[in-house]
Amino acid sequence: MLIGSEKCNTCHLFLHTFSFMDGHSTYFDHHEMQITAGPNWAIIKEATPTVDHKRKLVYFLSTKVMPTMMSLCVASYGAEAYQDCAVLTPEDLCYK
């Protein structure tokens, strides 16, 4: 489950995974992995992220380049450790 949260003071993406333990439907294991991070930028909450399940990528709009510009970005959720996202929109252009 992909969730946007402001628990780090700016909106970022977190992946929550749940798995049942020992075949019981009432006991489960919960794991949270942060997909995006950074104190000076945020995910645009009004734009729904798009998930590529085959390649384990999440596409989203953010203010990573400048606070007044929306940029299309991509982040991987397949790695065990956090990796910085990539900005796909050229720096001199705004997505919207």
C-alpha atoms as a PDB file:
ATOM      1  CA  MET A   1       0.000   0.000   0.000  1.00  0.00           C
ATOM      2  CA  LEU A   2       1.479   3.347  -1.076  1.00  0.00           C
ATOM      3  CA  ILE A   3       0.726   6.189   1.356  1.00  0.00           C
ATOM      4  CA  GLY A   4       1.530   9.893   1.330  1.00  0.00           C
ATOM      5  CA  SER A   5       2.378  11.210   4.773  1.00  0.00           C
ATOM      6  CA  GLU A   6       3.499  14.490   6.316  1.00  0.00           C
ATOM      7  CA  LYS A   7       5.085  12.904   9.384  1.00  0.00           C
ATOM      8  CA  CYS A   8       8.453  14.349   8.285  1.00  0.00           C
ATOM      9  CA  ASN A   9       6.984  17.897   8.021  1.00  0.00           C
ATOM     10  CA  THR A  10       6.653  17.671   4.226  1.00  0.00           C
ATOM     11  CA  CYS A  11       4.571  15.216   2.200  1.00  0.00           C
ATOM     12  CA  HIS A  12       6.521  12.121   1.141  1.00  0.00           C
ATOM     13  CA  LEU A  13       5.704   8.601  -0.022  1.00  0.00           C
ATOM     14  CA  PHE A  14       5.863   5.471   2.127  1.00  0.00           C
ATOM     15  CA  LEU A  15       5.308   1.857   1.110  1.00  0.00           C
ATOM     16  CA  HIS A  16       3.506  -0.282   3.681  1.00  0.00           C
ATOM     17  CA  THR A  17       3.588  -4.046   3.243  1.00  0.00           C
ATOM     18  CA  PHE A  18       1.584  -6.543   5.250  1.00  0.00           C
ATOM     19  CA  SER A  19       2.010 -10.298   5.373  1.00  0.00           C
ATOM     20  CA  PHE A  20       0.142 -12.850   7.428  1.00  0.00           C
ATOM     21  CA  MET A  21       2.236 -14.858   9.850  1.00  0.00           C
ATOM     22  CA  ASP A  22       1.924 -18.619  10.403  1.00  0.00           C
ATOM     23  CA  GLY A  23      -1.230 -18.873   8.305  1.00  0.00           C
ATOM     24  CA  HIS A  24      -3.340 -16.916  10.817  1.00  0.00           C
ATOM     25  CA  SER A  25      -5.590 -14.196   9.478  1.00  0.00           C
ATOM     26  CA  THR A  26      -5.353 -12.172  12.698  1.00  0.00           C
ATOM     27  CA  TYR A  27      -1.545 -11.988  13.064  1.00  0.00           C
ATOM     28  CA  PHE A  28       0.418 -10.116  10.468  1.00  0.00           C
ATOM     29  CA  ASP A  29       3.818  -8.543   9.950  1.00  0.00           C
ATOM     30  CA  HIS A  30       3.950  -4.854   8.967  1.00  0.00           C
ATOM     31  CA  HIS A  31       6.888  -3.211   7.227  1.00  0.00           C
ATOM     32  CA  GLU A  32       7.197   0.474   6.297  1.00  0.00           C
ATOM     33  CA  MET A  33       9.735   1.744   3.759  1.00  0.00           C
ATOM     34  CA  GLN A  34      10.207   5.415   2.916  1.00  0.00           C
ATOM     35  CA  ILE A  35      10.182   5.936  -0.858  1.00  0.00           C
ATOM     36  CA  THR A  36      10.908   9.697  -0.974  1.00  0.00           C
ATOM     37  CA  ALA A  37      12.653  11.984   1.495  1.00  0.00           C
ATOM     38  CA  GLY A  38      13.953  15.515   1.754  1.00  0.00           C
ATOM     39  CA  PRO A  39      13.373  18.536   3.981  1.00  0.00           C
ATOM     40  CA  ASN A  40      13.177  21.163   1.217  1.00  0.00           C
ATOM     41  CA  TRP A  41      10.676  19.575  -1.173  1.00  0.00           C
ATOM     42  CA  ALA A  42       7.409  17.633  -1.122  1.00  0.00           C
ATOM     43  CA  ILE A  43       5.118  15.399  -3.131  1.00  0.00           C
ATOM     44  CA  ILE A  44       2.182  17.216  -4.756  1.00  0.00           C
ATOM     45  CA  LYS A  45      -0.783  15.725  -2.869  1.00  0.00           C
ATOM     46  CA  GLU A  46      -3.382  16.687  -5.474  1.00  0.00           C
ATOM     47  CA  ALA A  47      -1.748  14.525  -8.176  1.00  0.00           C
ATOM     48  CA  THR A  48      -2.198  10.759  -7.834  1.00  0.00           C
ATOM     49  CA  PRO A  49       1.081   8.809  -8.162  1.00  0.00           C
ATOM     50  CA  THR A  50       1.300   6.171 -10.885  1.00  0.00           C
ATOM     51  CA  VAL A  51       2.845   2.806 -10.033  1.00  0.00           C
ATOM     52  CA  ASP A  52       4.691   0.554 -12.486  1.00  0.00           C
ATOM     53  CA  HIS A  53       4.423  -2.782 -10.642  1.00  0.00           C
ATOM     54  CA  LYS A  54       6.641  -4.693 -13.102  1.00  0.00           C
ATOM     55  CA  ARG A  55       9.621  -2.373 -12.697  1.00  0.00           C
ATOM     56  CA  LYS A  56       8.740  -1.348  -9.104  1.00  0.00           C
ATOM     57  CA  LEU A  57       8.723   2.372  -9.917  1.00  0.00           C
ATOM     58  CA  VAL A  58       6.485   5.195  -8.701  1.00  0.00           C
ATOM     59  CA  TYR A  59       5.913   8.298 -10.857  1.00  0.00           C
ATOM     60  CA  PHE A  60       4.735  11.449  -9.064  1.00  0.00           C
ATOM     61  CA  LEU A  61       4.740  15.256  -9.155  1.00  0.00           C
ATOM     62  CA  SER A  62       6.919  17.129  -6.684  1.00  0.00           C
ATOM     63  CA  THR A  63       8.550  20.449  -5.863  1.00  0.00           C
ATOM     64  CA  LYS A  64      12.057  18.893  -5.911  1.00  0.00           C
ATOM     65  CA  VAL A  65      13.590  21.423  -8.353  1.00  0.00           C
ATOM     66  CA  MET A  66      11.943  24.594  -6.973  1.00  0.00           C
ATOM     67  CA  PRO A  67       9.085  25.238  -4.531  1.00  0.00           C
ATOM     68  CA  THR A  68       7.105  27.076  -7.233  1.00  0.00           C
ATOM     69  CA  MET A  69       7.607  24.452  -9.977  1.00  0.00           C
ATOM     70  CA  MET A  70       6.000  21.034 -10.396  1.00  0.00           C
ATOM     71  CA  SER A  71       8.342  18.369 -11.728  1.00  0.00           C
ATOM     72  CA  LEU A  72       7.616  14.828 -12.826  1.00  0.00           C
ATOM     73  CA  CYS A  73       9.778  12.451 -10.773  1.00  0.00           C
ATOM     74  CA  VAL A  74      10.338   8.711 -10.437  1.00  0.00           C
ATOM     75  CA  ALA A  75      11.443   6.632  -7.446  1.00  0.00           C
ATOM     76  CA  SER A  76      12.086   2.934  -6.996  1.00  0.00           C
ATOM     77  CA  TYR A  77      10.462   0.864  -4.279  1.00  0.00           C
ATOM     78  CA  GLY A  78      12.281  -2.345  -5.206  1.00  0.00           C
ATOM     79  CA  ALA A  79      15.507  -1.649  -3.308  1.00  0.00           C
ATOM     80  CA  GLU A  80      15.994  -2.570   0.333  1.00  0.00           C
ATOM     81  CA  ALA A  81      17.519   0.814   1.168  1.00  0.00           C
ATOM     82  CA  TYR A  82      16.324   4.326   0.314  1.00  0.00           C
ATOM     83  CA  GLN A  83      17.496   5.704  -3.032  1.00  0.00           C
ATOM     84  CA  ASP A  84      16.997   9.311  -4.094  1.00  0.00           C
ATOM     85  CA  CYS A  85      14.363   9.920  -6.758  1.00  0.00           C
ATOM     86  CA  ALA A  86      15.127  11.172 -10.256  1.00  0.00           C
ATOM     87  CA  VAL A  87      13.603  14.293 -11.805  1.00  0.00           C
ATOM     88  CA  LEU A  88      12.303  13.568 -15.322  1.00  0.00           C
ATOM     89  CA  THR A  89      11.145  17.087 -16.223  1.00  0.00           C
ATOM     90  CA  PRO A  90      13.973  19.285 -17.598  1.00  0.00           C
ATOM     91  CA  GLU A  91      15.021  21.871 -14.990  1.00  0.00           C
ATOM     92  CA  ASP A  92      14.057  24.841 -17.161  1.00  0.00           C
ATOM     93  CA  LEU A  93      10.480  23.524 -17.656  1.00  0.00           C
ATOM     94  CA  CYS A  94       7.505  23.127 -15.355  1.00  0.00           C
ATOM     95  CA  TYR A  95       5.273  20.064 -15.626  1.00  0.00           C
ATOM     96  CA  LYS A  96       2.067  22.062 -15.377  1.00  0.00           C
END
